[in-house]
Amino acid sequence: MAYMKSEKYKAYKRAYMREYIRKYRKTEKYRAYMRAYNKTEKRKAYLREYRKSEKYKAYMREYMREYKNRFHKPTLKLIR
C-alpha cells in the first residue's frame, strides 16, 4: 500500500475528486439540495435579525409573563 503515499497517486486522486464534484454539482439532486439549503440559511438569517428586534423582545416579555402566571404559581404550604 506504499503507492497510496506517492505524490503521483495523490495528484490522481485530487484530479478524480475535482472531476467527480464538477459532475455532481450539475445533477438535479444537488441543485434541489442547494435551493433548500439557501432557503433555510436565509430564514435563519432573518430569524437572527428578528430576535434582536424590539417587537420580538416585547412579545417574549408578554409570553413569559403569561407562562409564569400559568405554570409557576406559588403553592400554599400546609401549616402543621
N, C-alpha and C. Protein backbone atom coordinates (compact mmCIF):
# COMPACT_ATOMS: atom_id res chain seq x y z
N MET A 1 0.81 -1.20 0.00
CA MET A 1 0.00 0.00 0.00
C MET A 1 0.85 1.27 0.00
N ALA A 2 2.10 1.12 -0.36
CA ALA A 2 3.00 2.27 -0.38
C ALA A 2 2.62 3.26 -1.48
N TYR A 3 1.97 2.73 -2.54
CA TYR A 3 1.62 3.62 -3.65
C TYR A 3 0.64 4.72 -3.20
N MET A 4 -0.14 4.46 -2.15
CA MET A 4 -1.12 5.44 -1.69
C MET A 4 -0.46 6.68 -1.09
N LYS A 5 0.80 6.54 -0.73
CA LYS A 5 1.54 7.67 -0.17
C LYS A 5 2.28 8.47 -1.24
N SER A 6 2.34 7.90 -2.46
CA SER A 6 3.11 8.57 -3.52
C SER A 6 2.41 9.84 -3.99
N GLU A 7 3.21 10.79 -4.44
CA GLU A 7 2.68 12.07 -4.93
C GLU A 7 1.84 11.88 -6.19
N LYS A 8 2.25 10.92 -7.03
CA LYS A 8 1.54 10.67 -8.28
C LYS A 8 0.10 10.22 -7.98
N TYR A 9 -0.05 9.33 -7.01
CA TYR A 9 -1.38 8.83 -6.64
C TYR A 9 -2.23 9.95 -6.04
N LYS A 10 -1.61 10.76 -5.18
CA LYS A 10 -2.35 11.86 -4.54
C LYS A 10 -2.85 12.86 -5.58
N ALA A 11 -2.01 13.14 -6.59
CA ALA A 11 -2.39 14.06 -7.66
C ALA A 11 -3.56 13.47 -8.46
N TYR A 12 -3.47 12.16 -8.74
CA TYR A 12 -4.55 11.48 -9.46
C TYR A 12 -5.86 11.56 -8.67
N LYS A 13 -5.77 11.31 -7.38
CA LYS A 13 -6.95 11.32 -6.52
C LYS A 13 -7.59 12.72 -6.48
N ARG A 14 -6.75 13.74 -6.38
CA ARG A 14 -7.27 15.12 -6.37
C ARG A 14 -8.00 15.43 -7.68
N ALA A 15 -7.38 15.04 -8.80
CA ALA A 15 -7.98 15.30 -10.12
C ALA A 15 -9.30 14.55 -10.27
N TYR A 16 -9.33 13.31 -9.81
CA TYR A 16 -10.54 12.49 -9.89
C TYR A 16 -11.67 13.12 -9.08
N MET A 17 -11.36 13.54 -7.86
CA MET A 17 -12.38 14.13 -6.99
C MET A 17 -12.88 15.46 -7.56
N ARG A 18 -11.97 16.26 -8.11
CA ARG A 18 -12.36 17.53 -8.71
C ARG A 18 -13.37 17.29 -9.83
N GLU A 19 -13.08 16.31 -10.68
CA GLU A 19 -13.96 15.97 -11.79
C GLU A 19 -15.30 15.43 -11.29
N TYR A 20 -15.25 14.58 -10.27
CA TYR A 20 -16.46 13.99 -9.69
C TYR A 20 -17.38 15.08 -9.13
N ILE A 21 -16.79 16.02 -8.40
CA ILE A 21 -17.55 17.12 -7.79
C ILE A 21 -18.15 18.01 -8.88
N ARG A 22 -17.36 18.27 -9.92
CA ARG A 22 -17.85 19.11 -11.02
C ARG A 22 -19.09 18.49 -11.66
N LYS A 23 -19.07 17.17 -11.87
CA LYS A 23 -20.22 16.49 -12.46
C LYS A 23 -21.39 16.45 -11.48
N TYR A 24 -21.09 16.20 -10.21
CA TYR A 24 -22.14 16.08 -9.20
C TYR A 24 -22.91 17.38 -9.04
N ARG A 25 -22.21 18.50 -9.14
CA ARG A 25 -22.87 19.80 -8.96
C ARG A 25 -23.86 20.12 -10.07
N LYS A 26 -23.77 19.40 -11.16
CA LYS A 26 -24.72 19.62 -12.26
C LYS A 26 -25.99 18.80 -12.09
N THR A 27 -25.99 17.85 -11.17
CA THR A 27 -27.16 16.97 -11.01
C THR A 27 -28.31 17.72 -10.36
N GLU A 28 -29.52 17.26 -10.67
CA GLU A 28 -30.72 17.89 -10.13
C GLU A 28 -30.82 17.67 -8.62
N LYS A 29 -30.35 16.52 -8.16
CA LYS A 29 -30.38 16.21 -6.73
C LYS A 29 -29.59 17.26 -5.93
N TYR A 30 -28.40 17.58 -6.41
CA TYR A 30 -27.56 18.57 -5.74
C TYR A 30 -28.20 19.95 -5.81
N ARG A 31 -28.75 20.30 -6.97
CA ARG A 31 -29.34 21.62 -7.14
C ARG A 31 -30.56 21.80 -6.24
N ALA A 32 -31.36 20.74 -6.10
CA ALA A 32 -32.53 20.80 -5.23
C ALA A 32 -32.08 20.98 -3.78
N TYR A 33 -31.02 20.26 -3.41
CA TYR A 33 -30.48 20.38 -2.05
C TYR A 33 -30.01 21.80 -1.78
N MET A 34 -29.30 22.39 -2.74
CA MET A 34 -28.78 23.74 -2.54
C MET A 34 -29.90 24.78 -2.48
N ARG A 35 -30.95 24.57 -3.27
CA ARG A 35 -32.09 25.50 -3.19
C ARG A 35 -32.69 25.48 -1.79
N ALA A 36 -32.89 24.28 -1.26
CA ALA A 36 -33.47 24.15 0.08
C ALA A 36 -32.52 24.73 1.12
N TYR A 37 -31.22 24.45 0.95
CA TYR A 37 -30.22 24.93 1.91
C TYR A 37 -30.19 26.45 1.94
N ASN A 38 -30.21 27.08 0.77
CA ASN A 38 -30.18 28.54 0.70
C ASN A 38 -31.43 29.15 1.33
N LYS A 39 -32.58 28.49 1.12
CA LYS A 39 -33.81 28.99 1.73
C LYS A 39 -33.70 28.95 3.24
N THR A 40 -33.19 27.83 3.77
CA THR A 40 -33.10 27.72 5.24
C THR A 40 -32.08 28.70 5.78
N GLU A 41 -30.99 28.92 5.04
CA GLU A 41 -29.99 29.89 5.51
C GLU A 41 -30.58 31.30 5.54
N LYS A 42 -31.36 31.65 4.52
CA LYS A 42 -32.00 32.97 4.50
C LYS A 42 -32.96 33.10 5.67
N ARG A 43 -33.70 32.02 5.93
CA ARG A 43 -34.66 32.03 7.04
C ARG A 43 -33.94 32.19 8.37
N LYS A 44 -32.83 31.46 8.55
CA LYS A 44 -32.05 31.57 9.78
C LYS A 44 -31.53 32.98 9.97
N ALA A 45 -31.05 33.59 8.90
CA ALA A 45 -30.53 34.96 8.98
C ALA A 45 -31.65 35.93 9.35
N TYR A 46 -32.82 35.73 8.75
CA TYR A 46 -33.97 36.58 9.07
C TYR A 46 -34.34 36.44 10.54
N LEU A 47 -34.37 35.20 11.04
CA LEU A 47 -34.74 34.98 12.44
C LEU A 47 -33.72 35.57 13.39
N ARG A 48 -32.44 35.49 13.02
CA ARG A 48 -31.40 36.10 13.87
C ARG A 48 -31.65 37.59 14.02
N GLU A 49 -31.97 38.25 12.91
CA GLU A 49 -32.25 39.69 12.95
C GLU A 49 -33.54 39.97 13.70
N TYR A 50 -34.54 39.14 13.48
CA TYR A 50 -35.84 39.34 14.12
C TYR A 50 -35.73 39.24 15.64
N ARG A 51 -34.92 38.29 16.11
CA ARG A 51 -34.78 38.11 17.56
C ARG A 51 -34.11 39.30 18.23
N LYS A 52 -33.41 40.11 17.46
CA LYS A 52 -32.77 41.30 18.02
C LYS A 52 -33.76 42.47 18.11
N SER A 53 -34.89 42.36 17.41
CA SER A 53 -35.82 43.49 17.32
C SER A 53 -36.60 43.70 18.61
N GLU A 54 -37.04 44.93 18.80
CA GLU A 54 -37.84 45.28 19.98
C GLU A 54 -39.19 44.59 19.95
N LYS A 55 -39.74 44.44 18.77
CA LYS A 55 -41.05 43.79 18.62
C LYS A 55 -41.01 42.38 19.22
N TYR A 56 -39.97 41.63 18.86
CA TYR A 56 -39.82 40.27 19.36
C TYR A 56 -39.60 40.26 20.87
N LYS A 57 -38.75 41.17 21.36
CA LYS A 57 -38.45 41.21 22.79
C LYS A 57 -39.70 41.53 23.60
N ALA A 58 -40.52 42.46 23.10
CA ALA A 58 -41.77 42.80 23.78
C ALA A 58 -42.71 41.59 23.79
N TYR A 59 -42.78 40.90 22.66
CA TYR A 59 -43.62 39.71 22.58
C TYR A 59 -43.16 38.65 23.58
N MET A 60 -41.85 38.43 23.66
CA MET A 60 -41.33 37.41 24.58
C MET A 60 -41.58 37.79 26.04
N ARG A 61 -41.46 39.08 26.36
CA ARG A 61 -41.75 39.52 27.73
C ARG A 61 -43.19 39.17 28.10
N GLU A 62 -44.08 39.47 27.18
CA GLU A 62 -45.51 39.20 27.41
C GLU A 62 -45.75 37.69 27.53
N TYR A 63 -45.12 36.94 26.64
CA TYR A 63 -45.28 35.49 26.64
C TYR A 63 -44.78 34.89 27.95
N MET A 64 -43.61 35.32 28.41
CA MET A 64 -43.05 34.77 29.65
C MET A 64 -43.89 35.16 30.86
N ARG A 65 -44.45 36.36 30.84
CA ARG A 65 -45.32 36.78 31.94
C ARG A 65 -46.52 35.83 32.02
N GLU A 66 -47.10 35.54 30.86
CA GLU A 66 -48.24 34.64 30.79
C GLU A 66 -47.85 33.23 31.23
N TYR A 67 -46.68 32.77 30.77
CA TYR A 67 -46.19 31.43 31.09
C TYR A 67 -45.99 31.28 32.59
N LYS A 68 -45.36 32.27 33.21
CA LYS A 68 -45.12 32.21 34.65
C LYS A 68 -46.43 32.21 35.43
N ASN A 69 -47.40 33.00 34.98
CA ASN A 69 -48.69 33.02 35.65
C ASN A 69 -49.38 31.67 35.57
N ARG A 70 -49.21 31.00 34.45
CA ARG A 70 -49.91 29.74 34.26
C ARG A 70 -49.24 28.58 34.99
N PHE A 71 -47.90 28.51 34.93
CA PHE A 71 -47.22 27.30 35.41
C PHE A 71 -46.42 27.49 36.68
N HIS A 72 -46.14 28.71 37.07
CA HIS A 72 -45.28 28.89 38.24
C HIS A 72 -46.01 29.63 39.36
N LYS A 73 -47.24 29.19 39.61
CA LYS A 73 -47.98 29.80 40.71
C LYS A 73 -47.37 29.34 42.02
N PRO A 74 -47.20 30.23 42.97
CA PRO A 74 -46.66 29.79 44.25
C PRO A 74 -47.66 28.87 44.95
N THR A 75 -47.16 27.77 45.45
CA THR A 75 -48.05 26.81 46.11
C THR A 75 -48.19 27.18 47.57
N LEU A 76 -49.37 26.98 48.09
CA LEU A 76 -49.61 27.25 49.51
C LEU A 76 -49.07 26.09 50.32
N LYS A 77 -48.20 26.39 51.26
CA LYS A 77 -47.65 25.33 52.09
C LYS A 77 -48.61 25.06 53.23
N LEU A 78 -48.81 23.81 53.50
CA LEU A 78 -49.72 23.45 54.59
C LEU A 78 -49.10 23.80 55.93
N ILE A 79 -49.88 24.40 56.77
CA ILE A 79 -49.39 24.74 58.11
C ILE A 79 -49.63 23.54 59.00
N ARG A 80 -48.59 23.08 59.64
CA ARG A 80 -48.74 21.92 60.51
C ARG A 80 -48.99 22.32 61.92
